[in-house]
């Protein structure tokens, strides 16, 4: 599936509510799957429920980027998922997410 053409905010579980009914991106670790639903730990160690629409749960890598729409219940409906290979530093990434969501710096991350 082709990626959306507009820029999408980079978030963690803390910032999801700001983007209700909007597209977002986040990196996460797979915690578990049940049917078409995945439980993912985001960079701030919060849990985000991802409704899988295109990706089979059996094909998910342990770390991946999700691009999707935030639902009213704060779950995210997948548009696409990109697997990450190798090491990923969630602590450093979470600091980047915090910076990207500061009003005074947001334009640097678009």
PDB file of N, CA and C in Angstrom:
ATOM      1  N   UNK A   1       0.833  -1.177   0.000  1.00  0.00           N
ATOM      2  CA  UNK A   1       0.000   0.000   0.000  1.00  0.00           C
ATOM      3  C   UNK A   1       0.874   1.235   0.000  1.00  0.00           C
ATOM      4  N   UNK A   2       0.473   2.244  -0.710  1.00  0.00           N
ATOM      5  CA  UNK A   2       1.241   3.476  -0.815  1.00  0.00           C
ATOM      6  C   UNK A   2       1.053   4.322   0.435  1.00  0.00           C
ATOM      7  N   UNK A   3       2.131   4.936   0.889  1.00  0.00           N
ATOM      8  CA  UNK A   3       2.088   5.791   2.067  1.00  0.00           C
ATOM      9  C   UNK A   3       1.293   7.065   1.782  1.00  0.00           C
ATOM     10  N   UNK A   4       0.630   7.622   2.819  1.00  0.00           N
ATOM     11  CA  UNK A   4      -0.076   8.880   2.631  1.00  0.00           C
ATOM     12  C   UNK A   4       0.880   9.973   2.171  1.00  0.00           C
ATOM     13  N   UNK A   5       0.381  10.902   1.351  1.00  0.00           N
ATOM     14  CA  UNK A   5       1.246  11.925   0.767  1.00  0.00           C
ATOM     15  C   UNK A   5       1.482  13.115   1.695  1.00  0.00           C
ATOM     16  N   UNK A   6       0.682  13.256   2.743  1.00  0.00           N
ATOM     17  CA  UNK A   6       0.885  14.364   3.667  1.00  0.00           C
ATOM     18  C   UNK A   6       1.741  13.912   4.835  1.00  0.00           C
ATOM     19  N   UNK A   7       2.332  14.868   5.525  1.00  0.00           N
ATOM     20  CA  UNK A   7       3.159  14.508   6.668  1.00  0.00           C
ATOM     21  C   UNK A   7       2.258  14.091   7.832  1.00  0.00           C
ATOM     22  N   UNK A   8       2.704  13.145   8.613  1.00  0.00           N
ATOM     23  CA  UNK A   8       1.933  12.655   9.749  1.00  0.00           C
ATOM     24  C   UNK A   8       2.734  12.864  11.023  1.00  0.00           C
ATOM     25  N   UNK A   9       2.079  13.287  12.095  1.00  0.00           N
ATOM     26  CA  UNK A   9       2.792  13.523  13.352  1.00  0.00           C
ATOM     27  C   UNK A   9       3.375  12.239  13.922  1.00  0.00           C
ATOM     28  N   UNK A  10       4.527  12.375  14.535  1.00  0.00           N
ATOM     29  CA  UNK A  10       5.202  11.284  15.226  1.00  0.00           C
ATOM     30  C   UNK A  10       4.739  11.320  16.677  1.00  0.00           C
ATOM     31  N   UNK A  11       4.185  10.200  17.186  1.00  0.00           N
ATOM     32  CA  UNK A  11       3.583  10.201  18.518  1.00  0.00           C
ATOM     33  C   UNK A  11       4.044   9.006  19.345  1.00  0.00           C
ATOM     34  N   UNK A  12       3.663   9.032  20.602  1.00  0.00           N
ATOM     35  CA  UNK A  12       3.714   7.880  21.491  1.00  0.00           C
ATOM     36  C   UNK A  12       2.321   7.783  22.117  1.00  0.00           C
ATOM     37  N   UNK A  13       2.094   6.915  23.080  1.00  0.00           N
ATOM     38  CA  UNK A  13       0.749   6.749  23.625  1.00  0.00           C
ATOM     39  C   UNK A  13       0.246   8.017  24.321  1.00  0.00           C
ATOM     40  N   UNK A  14       1.154   8.805  24.872  1.00  0.00           N
ATOM     41  CA  UNK A  14       0.774  10.035  25.569  1.00  0.00           C
ATOM     42  C   UNK A  14       0.124  11.047  24.639  1.00  0.00           C
ATOM     43  N   UNK A  15       0.580  11.140  23.413  1.00  0.00           N
ATOM     44  CA  UNK A  15       0.125  12.175  22.485  1.00  0.00           C
ATOM     45  C   UNK A  15      -1.041  11.742  21.596  1.00  0.00           C
ATOM     46  N   UNK A  16      -1.504  10.506  21.707  1.00  0.00           N
ATOM     47  CA  UNK A  16      -2.574  10.022  20.820  1.00  0.00           C
ATOM     48  C   UNK A  16      -3.828  10.890  20.878  1.00  0.00           C
ATOM     49  N   UNK A  17      -4.241  11.276  22.079  1.00  0.00           N
ATOM     50  CA  UNK A  17      -5.500  12.009  22.225  1.00  0.00           C
ATOM     51  C   UNK A  17      -5.513  13.322  21.440  1.00  0.00           C
ATOM     52  N   UNK A  18      -4.371  13.954  21.280  1.00  0.00           N
ATOM     53  CA  UNK A  18      -4.275  15.189  20.485  1.00  0.00           C
ATOM     54  C   UNK A  18      -4.671  14.981  19.033  1.00  0.00           C
ATOM     55  N   UNK A  19      -4.527  13.768  18.559  1.00  0.00           N
ATOM     56  CA  UNK A  19      -4.682  13.487  17.131  1.00  0.00           C
ATOM     57  C   UNK A  19      -5.872  12.566  16.828  1.00  0.00           C
ATOM     58  N   UNK A  20      -6.890  12.615  17.661  1.00  0.00           N
ATOM     59  CA  UNK A  20      -8.096  11.807  17.455  1.00  0.00           C
ATOM     60  C   UNK A  20      -8.631  12.032  16.028  1.00  0.00           C
ATOM     61  N   UNK A  21      -8.943  10.940  15.331  1.00  0.00           N
ATOM     62  CA  UNK A  21      -9.464  10.955  13.951  1.00  0.00           C
ATOM     63  C   UNK A  21      -8.476  11.525  12.939  1.00  0.00           C
ATOM     64  N   UNK A  22      -7.191  11.497  13.269  1.00  0.00           N
ATOM     65  CA  UNK A  22      -6.149  11.967  12.356  1.00  0.00           C
ATOM     66  C   UNK A  22      -5.119  10.857  12.155  1.00  0.00           C
ATOM     67  N   UNK A  23      -4.309  11.023  11.106  1.00  0.00           N
ATOM     68  CA  UNK A  23      -3.223  10.085  10.834  1.00  0.00           C
ATOM     69  C   UNK A  23      -2.048  10.390  11.758  1.00  0.00           C
ATOM     70  N   UNK A  24      -1.374   9.335  12.243  1.00  0.00           N
ATOM     71  CA  UNK A  24      -0.180   9.454  13.078  1.00  0.00           C
ATOM     72  C   UNK A  24       0.807   8.363  12.683  1.00  0.00           C
ATOM     73  N   UNK A  25       2.040   8.511  13.193  1.00  0.00           N
ATOM     74  CA  UNK A  25       3.076   7.478  13.066  1.00  0.00           C
ATOM     75  C   UNK A  25       3.639   7.229  14.450  1.00  0.00           C
ATOM     76  N   UNK A  26       4.003   5.985  14.720  1.00  0.00           N
ATOM     77  CA  UNK A  26       4.719   5.685  15.961  1.00  0.00           C
ATOM     78  C   UNK A  26       5.500   4.391  15.797  1.00  0.00           C
ATOM     79  N   UNK A  27       6.553   4.272  16.573  1.00  0.00           N
ATOM     80  CA  UNK A  27       7.339   3.046  16.622  1.00  0.00           C
ATOM     81  C   UNK A  27       6.936   2.278  17.855  1.00  0.00           C
ATOM     82  N   UNK A  28       6.903   0.962  17.717  1.00  0.00           N
ATOM     83  CA  UNK A  28       6.494   0.156  18.850  1.00  0.00           C
ATOM     84  C   UNK A  28       7.064  -1.237  18.826  1.00  0.00           C
ATOM     85  N   UNK A  29       6.881  -1.912  19.972  1.00  0.00           N
ATOM     86  CA  UNK A  29       7.279  -3.306  20.145  1.00  0.00           C
ATOM     87  C   UNK A  29       6.009  -4.132  20.277  1.00  0.00           C
ATOM     88  N   UNK A  30       5.959  -5.231  19.568  1.00  0.00           N
ATOM     89  CA  UNK A  30       4.806  -6.116  19.632  1.00  0.00           C
ATOM     90  C   UNK A  30       4.754  -6.805  20.990  1.00  0.00           C
ATOM     91  N   UNK A  31       3.614  -6.667  21.665  1.00  0.00           N
ATOM     92  CA  UNK A  31       3.417  -7.344  22.951  1.00  0.00           C
ATOM     93  C   UNK A  31       2.532  -8.571  22.801  1.00  0.00           C
ATOM     94  N   UNK A  32       1.621  -8.531  21.841  1.00  0.00           N
ATOM     95  CA  UNK A  32       0.756  -9.679  21.627  1.00  0.00           C
ATOM     96  C   UNK A  32      -0.299  -9.398  20.573  1.00  0.00           C
ATOM     97  N   UNK A  33      -0.869 -10.459  20.041  1.00  0.00           N
ATOM     98  CA  UNK A  33      -1.909 -10.340  19.010  1.00  0.00           C
ATOM     99  C   UNK A  33      -3.070 -11.249  19.358  1.00  0.00           C
ATOM    100  N   UNK A  34      -4.243 -10.790  18.980  1.00  0.00           N
ATOM    101  CA  UNK A  34      -5.431 -11.624  19.075  1.00  0.00           C
ATOM    102  C   UNK A  34      -6.283 -11.299  17.860  1.00  0.00           C
ATOM    103  N   UNK A  35      -6.355 -12.236  16.932  1.00  0.00           N
ATOM    104  CA  UNK A  35      -7.097 -12.013  15.697  1.00  0.00           C
ATOM    105  C   UNK A  35      -6.476 -10.875  14.899  1.00  0.00           C
ATOM    106  N   UNK A  36      -7.254  -9.841  14.602  1.00  0.00           N
ATOM    107  CA  UNK A  36      -6.794  -8.698  13.800  1.00  0.00           C
ATOM    108  C   UNK A  36      -6.422  -7.516  14.696  1.00  0.00           C
ATOM    109  N   UNK A  37      -6.117  -7.777  15.974  1.00  0.00           N
ATOM    110  CA  UNK A  37      -5.756  -6.724  16.914  1.00  0.00           C
ATOM    111  C   UNK A  37      -4.385  -7.022  17.511  1.00  0.00           C
ATOM    112  N   UNK A  38      -3.521  -5.999  17.508  1.00  0.00           N
ATOM    113  CA  UNK A  38      -2.188  -6.142  18.102  1.00  0.00           C
ATOM    114  C   UNK A  38      -2.051  -5.166  19.273  1.00  0.00           C
ATOM    115  N   UNK A  39      -1.447  -5.623  20.359  1.00  0.00           N
ATOM    116  CA  UNK A  39      -1.086  -4.755  21.479  1.00  0.00           C
ATOM    117  C   UNK A  39       0.372  -4.384  21.298  1.00  0.00           C
ATOM    118  N   UNK A  40       0.638  -3.076  21.262  1.00  0.00           N
ATOM    119  CA  UNK A  40       1.970  -2.571  20.948  1.00  0.00           C
ATOM    120  C   UNK A  40       2.410  -1.631  22.061  1.00  0.00           C
ATOM    121  N   UNK A  41       3.657  -1.767  22.499  1.00  0.00           N
ATOM    122  CA  UNK A  41       4.225  -0.841  23.471  1.00  0.00           C
ATOM    123  C   UNK A  41       4.948   0.254  22.709  1.00  0.00           C
ATOM    124  N   UNK A  42       4.546   1.512  22.946  1.00  0.00           N
ATOM    125  CA  UNK A  42       5.174   2.634  22.247  1.00  0.00           C
ATOM    126  C   UNK A  42       6.411   3.106  23.017  1.00  0.00           C
ATOM    127  N   UNK A  43       7.075   4.115  22.501  1.00  0.00           N
ATOM    128  CA  UNK A  43       8.367   4.552  23.045  1.00  0.00           C
ATOM    129  C   UNK A  43       8.282   5.059  24.481  1.00  0.00           C
ATOM    130  N   UNK A  44       7.090   5.472  24.945  1.00  0.00           N
ATOM    131  CA  UNK A  44       6.934   5.924  26.334  1.00  0.00           C
ATOM    132  C   UNK A  44       6.457   4.801  27.245  1.00  0.00           C
ATOM    133  N   UNK A  45       6.533   3.563  26.754  1.00  0.00           N
ATOM    134  CA  UNK A  45       6.113   2.357  27.475  1.00  0.00           C
ATOM    135  C   UNK A  45       4.612   2.251  27.690  1.00  0.00           C
ATOM    136  N   UNK A  46       3.832   3.081  26.995  1.00  0.00           N
ATOM    137  CA  UNK A  46       2.379   2.954  27.032  1.00  0.00           C
ATOM    138  C   UNK A  46       1.928   1.956  25.984  1.00  0.00           C
ATOM    139  N   UNK A  47       0.737   1.409  26.174  1.00  0.00           N
ATOM    140  CA  UNK A  47       0.197   0.429  25.239  1.00  0.00           C
ATOM    141  C   UNK A  47      -0.749   1.098  24.251  1.00  0.00           C
ATOM    142  N   UNK A  48      -0.588   0.755  22.985  1.00  0.00           N
ATOM    143  CA  UNK A  48      -1.489   1.211  21.927  1.00  0.00           C
ATOM    144  C   UNK A  48      -2.062  -0.033  21.256  1.00  0.00           C
ATOM    145  N   UNK A  49      -3.373  -0.051  21.117  1.00  0.00           N
ATOM    146  CA  UNK A  49      -4.037  -1.143  20.412  1.00  0.00           C
ATOM    147  C   UNK A  49      -4.091  -0.776  18.936  1.00  0.00           C
ATOM    148  N   UNK A  50      -3.606  -1.681  18.086  1.00  0.00           N
ATOM    149  CA  UNK A  50      -3.583  -1.450  16.639  1.00  0.00           C
ATOM    150  C   UNK A  50      -4.548  -2.426  15.972  1.00  0.00           C
ATOM    151  N   UNK A  51      -5.492  -1.878  15.230  1.00  0.00           N
ATOM    152  CA  UNK A  51      -6.421  -2.683  14.441  1.00  0.00           C
ATOM    153  C   UNK A  51      -5.759  -2.958  13.096  1.00  0.00           C
ATOM    154  N   UNK A  52      -5.417  -4.210  12.864  1.00  0.00           N
ATOM    155  CA  UNK A  52      -4.703  -4.592  11.651  1.00  0.00           C
ATOM    156  C   UNK A  52      -5.678  -4.707  10.488  1.00  0.00           C
ATOM    157  N   UNK A  53      -5.394  -3.998   9.403  1.00  0.00           N
ATOM    158  CA  UNK A  53      -6.260  -4.051   8.229  1.00  0.00           C
ATOM    159  C   UNK A  53      -5.565  -4.682   7.030  1.00  0.00           C
ATOM    160  N   UNK A  54      -4.249  -4.545   6.948  1.00  0.00           N
ATOM    161  CA  UNK A  54      -3.496  -5.050   5.801  1.00  0.00           C
ATOM    162  C   UNK A  54      -2.456  -6.085   6.198  1.00  0.00           C
ATOM    163  N   UNK A  55      -1.931  -5.968   7.379  1.00  0.00           N
ATOM    164  CA  UNK A  55      -0.824  -6.815   7.824  1.00  0.00           C
ATOM    165  C   UNK A  55      -1.362  -8.002   8.611  1.00  0.00           C
ATOM    166  N   UNK A  56      -0.850  -9.173   8.336  1.00  0.00           N
ATOM    167  CA  UNK A  56      -1.192 -10.358   9.110  1.00  0.00           C
ATOM    168  C   UNK A  56      -0.397 -10.333  10.408  1.00  0.00           C
ATOM    169  N   UNK A  57      -1.031 -10.638  11.522  1.00  0.00           N
ATOM    170  CA  UNK A  57      -0.342 -10.593  12.813  1.00  0.00           C
ATOM    171  C   UNK A  57       0.872 -11.517  12.836  1.00  0.00           C
ATOM    172  N   UNK A  58       0.815 -12.618  12.106  1.00  0.00           N
ATOM    173  CA  UNK A  58       1.934 -13.565  12.091  1.00  0.00           C
ATOM    174  C   UNK A  58       3.156 -13.014  11.361  1.00  0.00           C
ATOM    175  N   UNK A  59       2.980 -11.951  10.580  1.00  0.00           N
ATOM    176  CA  UNK A  59       4.115 -11.403   9.829  1.00  0.00           C
ATOM    177  C   UNK A  59       4.729 -10.173  10.497  1.00  0.00           C
ATOM    178  N   UNK A  60       4.234  -9.787  11.662  1.00  0.00           N
ATOM    179  CA  UNK A  60       4.772  -8.604  12.335  1.00  0.00           C
ATOM    180  C   UNK A  60       6.161  -8.876  12.899  1.00  0.00           C
ATOM    181  N   UNK A  61       7.065  -7.917  12.681  1.00  0.00           N
ATOM    182  CA  UNK A  61       8.399  -7.973  13.288  1.00  0.00           C
ATOM    183  C   UNK A  61       8.241  -7.610  14.765  1.00  0.00           C
ATOM    184  N   UNK A  62       9.290  -7.798  15.550  1.00  0.00           N
ATOM    185  CA  UNK A  62       9.179  -7.448  16.969  1.00  0.00           C
ATOM    186  C   UNK A  62       9.164  -5.930  17.172  1.00  0.00           C
ATOM    187  N   UNK A  63       9.818  -5.162  16.289  1.00  0.00           N
ATOM    188  CA  UNK A  63       9.801  -3.700  16.333  1.00  0.00           C
ATOM    189  C   UNK A  63       9.398  -3.195  14.951  1.00  0.00           C
ATOM    190  N   UNK A  64       8.500  -2.203  14.929  1.00  0.00           N
ATOM    191  CA  UNK A  64       8.005  -1.700  13.648  1.00  0.00           C
ATOM    192  C   UNK A  64       7.435  -0.304  13.806  1.00  0.00           C
ATOM    193  N   UNK A  65       7.261   0.364  12.663  1.00  0.00           N
ATOM    194  CA  UNK A  65       6.601   1.665  12.634  1.00  0.00           C
ATOM    195  C   UNK A  65       5.178   1.447  12.134  1.00  0.00           C
ATOM    196  N   UNK A  66       4.229   2.073  12.806  1.00  0.00           N
ATOM    197  CA  UNK A  66       2.832   2.022  12.398  1.00  0.00           C
ATOM    198  C   UNK A  66       2.440   3.397  11.886  1.00  0.00           C
ATOM    199  N   UNK A  67       1.772   3.433  10.763  1.00  0.00           N
ATOM    200  CA  UNK A  67       1.123   4.644  10.287  1.00  0.00           C
ATOM    201  C   UNK A  67      -0.358   4.302  10.232  1.00  0.00           C
ATOM    202  N   UNK A  68      -1.171   5.108  10.915  1.00  0.00           N
ATOM    203  CA  UNK A  68      -2.588   4.804  10.944  1.00  0.00           C
ATOM    204  C   UNK A  68      -3.416   5.951  11.494  1.00  0.00           C
ATOM    205  N   UNK A  69      -4.722   5.733  11.537  1.00  0.00           N
ATOM    206  CA  UNK A  69      -5.678   6.744  12.003  1.00  0.00           C
ATOM    207  C   UNK A  69      -6.074   6.440  13.445  1.00  0.00           C
ATOM    208  N   UNK A  70      -6.049   7.488  14.290  1.00  0.00           N
ATOM    209  CA  UNK A  70      -6.446   7.359  15.694  1.00  0.00           C
ATOM    210  C   UNK A  70      -7.975   7.339  15.774  1.00  0.00           C
ATOM    211  N   UNK A  71      -8.506   6.324  16.417  1.00  0.00           N
ATOM    212  CA  UNK A  71      -9.950   6.175  16.586  1.00  0.00           C
ATOM    213  C   UNK A  71     -10.413   6.852  17.876  1.00  0.00           C
ATOM    214  N   UNK A  72     -11.718   6.987  18.040  1.00  0.00           N
ATOM    215  CA  UNK A  72     -12.272   7.631  19.235  1.00  0.00           C
ATOM    216  C   UNK A  72     -11.872   6.917  20.529  1.00  0.00           C
ATOM    217  N   UNK A  73     -11.671   5.601  20.464  1.00  0.00           N
ATOM    218  CA  UNK A  73     -11.282   4.838  21.658  1.00  0.00           C
ATOM    219  C   UNK A  73      -9.759   4.815  21.863  1.00  0.00           C
ATOM    220  N   UNK A  74      -9.024   5.627  21.117  1.00  0.00           N
ATOM    221  CA  UNK A  74      -7.561   5.766  21.166  1.00  0.00           C
ATOM    222  C   UNK A  74      -6.833   4.560  20.604  1.00  0.00           C
ATOM    223  N   UNK A  75      -7.537   3.632  19.968  1.00  0.00           N
ATOM    224  CA  UNK A  75      -6.846   2.596  19.195  1.00  0.00           C
ATOM    225  C   UNK A  75      -6.443   3.235  17.872  1.00  0.00           C
ATOM    226  N   UNK A  76      -5.581   2.558  17.138  1.00  0.00           N
ATOM    227  CA  UNK A  76      -5.109   3.070  15.850  1.00  0.00           C
ATOM    228  C   UNK A  76      -5.423   2.027  14.786  1.00  0.00           C
ATOM    229  N   UNK A  77      -6.066   2.460  13.707  1.00  0.00           N
ATOM    230  CA  UNK A  77      -6.332   1.569  12.587  1.00  0.00           C
ATOM    231  C   UNK A  77      -5.192   1.692  11.586  1.00  0.00           C
ATOM    232  N   UNK A  78      -4.532   0.590  11.346  1.00  0.00           N
ATOM    233  CA  UNK A  78      -3.354   0.531  10.471  1.00  0.00           C
ATOM    234  C   UNK A  78      -3.671   1.000   9.051  1.00  0.00           C
ATOM    235  N   UNK A  79      -2.784   1.840   8.515  1.00  0.00           N
ATOM    236  CA  UNK A  79      -2.749   2.129   7.081  1.00  0.00           C
ATOM    237  C   UNK A  79      -1.595   1.338   6.483  1.00  0.00           C
ATOM    238  N   UNK A  80      -0.439   1.417   7.148  1.00  0.00           N
ATOM    239  CA  UNK A  80       0.674   0.539   6.779  1.00  0.00           C
ATOM    240  C   UNK A  80       1.597   0.354   7.965  1.00  0.00           C
ATOM    241  N   UNK A  81       2.377  -0.712   7.923  1.00  0.00           N
ATOM    242  CA  UNK A  81       3.359  -1.034   8.959  1.00  0.00           C
ATOM    243  C   UNK A  81       4.680  -1.306   8.270  1.00  0.00           C
ATOM    244  N   UNK A  82       5.750  -0.717   8.824  1.00  0.00           N
ATOM    245  CA  UNK A  82       7.095  -0.917   8.288  1.00  0.00           C
ATOM    246  C   UNK A  82       7.944  -1.611   9.350  1.00  0.00           C
ATOM    247  N   UNK A  83       8.467  -2.793   9.063  1.00  0.00           N
ATOM    248  CA  UNK A  83       9.306  -3.481  10.045  1.00  0.00           C
ATOM    249  C   UNK A  83      10.648  -2.779  10.217  1.00  0.00           C
ATOM    250  N   UNK A  84      11.197  -2.872  11.413  1.00  0.00           N
ATOM    251  CA  UNK A  84      12.537  -2.327  11.702  1.00  0.00           C
ATOM    252  C   UNK A  84      13.465  -3.497  11.994  1.00  0.00           C
ATOM    253  N   UNK A  85      14.580  -3.490  11.344  1.00  0.00           N
ATOM    254  CA  UNK A  85      15.568  -4.538  11.563  1.00  0.00           C
ATOM    255  C   UNK A  85      16.665  -4.012  12.466  1.00  0.00           C
ATOM    256  N   UNK A  86      17.186  -4.866  13.307  1.00  0.00           N
ATOM    257  CA  UNK A  86      18.312  -4.490  14.150  1.00  0.00           C
ATOM    258  C   UNK A  86      17.888  -3.794  15.428  1.00  0.00           C
ATOM    259  N   UNK A  87      18.830  -3.121  16.027  1.00  0.00           N
ATOM    260  CA  UNK A  87      18.635  -2.444  17.316  1.00  0.00           C
ATOM    261  C   UNK A  87      17.802  -1.187  17.146  1.00  0.00           C
ATOM    262  N   UNK A  88      16.967  -0.878  18.136  1.00  0.00           N
ATOM    263  CA  UNK A  88      16.188   0.356  18.132  1.00  0.00           C
ATOM    264  C   UNK A  88      16.177   0.900  19.546  1.00  0.00           C
ATOM    265  N   UNK A  89      16.608   2.144  19.725  1.00  0.00           N
ATOM    266  CA  UNK A  89      16.695   2.763  21.044  1.00  0.00           C
ATOM    267  C   UNK A  89      15.412   3.547  21.325  1.00  0.00           C
ATOM    268  N   UNK A  90      14.506   2.940  22.075  1.00  0.00           N
ATOM    269  CA  UNK A  90      13.223   3.569  22.365  1.00  0.00           C
ATOM    270  C   UNK A  90      13.362   4.775  23.283  1.00  0.00           C
ATOM    271  N   UNK A  91      14.370   4.802  24.141  1.00  0.00           N
ATOM    272  CA  UNK A  91      14.570   5.947  25.039  1.00  0.00           C
ATOM    273  C   UNK A  91      14.917   7.197  24.244  1.00  0.00           C
ATOM    274  N   UNK A  92      15.863   7.084  23.329  1.00  0.00           N
ATOM    275  CA  UNK A  92      16.246   8.221  22.484  1.00  0.00           C
ATOM    276  C   UNK A  92      15.081   8.613  21.583  1.00  0.00           C
ATOM    277  N   UNK A  93      14.413   7.615  21.025  1.00  0.00           N
ATOM    278  CA  UNK A  93      13.280   7.911  20.141  1.00  0.00           C
ATOM    279  C   UNK A  93      12.179   8.667  20.891  1.00  0.00           C
ATOM    280  N   UNK A  94      11.919   8.300  22.136  1.00  0.00           N
ATOM    281  CA  UNK A  94      10.874   8.984  22.897  1.00  0.00           C
ATOM    282  C   UNK A  94      11.213  10.457  23.113  1.00  0.00           C
ATOM    283  N   UNK A  95      12.485  10.763  23.293  1.00  0.00           N
ATOM    284  CA  UNK A  95      12.894  12.175  23.417  1.00  0.00           C
ATOM    285  C   UNK A  95      12.608  12.925  22.115  1.00  0.00           C
ATOM    286  N   UNK A  96      12.842  12.283  20.983  1.00  0.00           N
ATOM    287  CA  UNK A  96      12.525  12.880  19.682  1.00  0.00           C
ATOM    288  C   UNK A  96      11.022  13.133  19.557  1.00  0.00           C
ATOM    289  N   UNK A  97      10.213  12.177  19.982  1.00  0.00           N
ATOM    290  CA  UNK A  97       8.755  12.333  19.935  1.00  0.00           C
ATOM    291  C   UNK A  97       8.324  13.530  20.771  1.00  0.00           C
ATOM    292  N   UNK A  98       8.889  13.683  21.948  1.00  0.00           N
ATOM    293  CA  UNK A  98       8.546  14.820  22.820  1.00  0.00           C
ATOM    294  C   UNK A  98       8.903  16.143  22.147  1.00  0.00           C
ATOM    295  N   UNK A  99      10.075  16.209  21.540  1.00  0.00           N
ATOM    296  CA  UNK A  99      10.480  17.430  20.836  1.00  0.00           C
ATOM    297  C   UNK A  99       9.550  17.724  19.662  1.00  0.00           C
ATOM    298  N   UNK A 100       9.201  16.685  18.909  1.00  0.00           N
ATOM    299  CA  UNK A 100       8.350  16.862  17.732  1.00  0.00           C
ATOM    300  C   UNK A 100       6.952  17.344  18.094  1.00  0.00           C
ATOM    301  N   UNK A 101       6.551  17.159  19.339  1.00  0.00           N
ATOM    302  CA  UNK A 101       5.215  17.562  19.771  1.00  0.00           C
ATOM    303  C   UNK A 101       5.201  18.853  20.579  1.00  0.00           C
ATOM    304  N   UNK A 102       6.348  19.512  20.703  1.00  0.00           N
ATOM    305  CA  UNK A 102       6.379  20.837  21.323  1.00  0.00           C
ATOM    306  C   UNK A 102       5.931  21.856  20.287  1.00  0.00           C
ATOM    307  N   UNK A 103       4.980  22.692  20.668  1.00  0.00           N
ATOM    308  CA  UNK A 103       4.424  23.674  19.725  1.00  0.00           C
ATOM    309  C   UNK A 103       5.513  24.530  19.091  1.00  0.00           C
ATOM    310  N   UNK A 104       6.509  24.928  19.858  1.00  0.00           N
ATOM    311  CA  UNK A 104       7.550  25.819  19.342  1.00  0.00           C
ATOM    312  C   UNK A 104       8.497  25.128  18.359  1.00  0.00           C
ATOM    313  N   UNK A 105       8.520  23.803  18.344  1.00  0.00           N
ATOM    314  CA  UNK A 105       9.431  23.057  17.476  1.00  0.00           C
ATOM    315  C   UNK A 105       8.720  22.250  16.394  1.00  0.00           C
ATOM    316  N   UNK A 106       7.410  22.166  16.444  1.00  0.00           N
ATOM    317  CA  UNK A 106       6.644  21.278  15.565  1.00  0.00           C
ATOM    318  C   UNK A 106       6.975  21.481  14.093  1.00  0.00           C
ATOM    319  N   UNK A 107       7.168  22.722  13.647  1.00  0.00           N
ATOM    320  CA  UNK A 107       7.418  22.979  12.226  1.00  0.00           C
ATOM    321  C   UNK A 107       8.733  22.374  11.738  1.00  0.00           C
ATOM    322  N   UNK A 108       9.659  22.098  12.646  1.00  0.00           N
ATOM    323  CA  UNK A 108      10.925  21.467  12.257  1.00  0.00           C
ATOM    324  C   UNK A 108      10.740  20.006  11.868  1.00  0.00           C
ATOM    325  N   UNK A 109       9.633  19.393  12.312  1.00  0.00           N
ATOM    326  CA  UNK A 109       9.416  17.967  12.114  1.00  0.00           C
ATOM    327  C   UNK A 109       8.362  17.664  11.058  1.00  0.00           C
ATOM    328  N   UNK A 110       7.958  18.652  10.299  1.00  0.00           N
ATOM    329  CA  UNK A 110       6.941  18.441   9.246  1.00  0.00           C
ATOM    330  C   UNK A 110       7.638  18.057   7.963  1.00  0.00           C
TER     331      UNK A 110
END
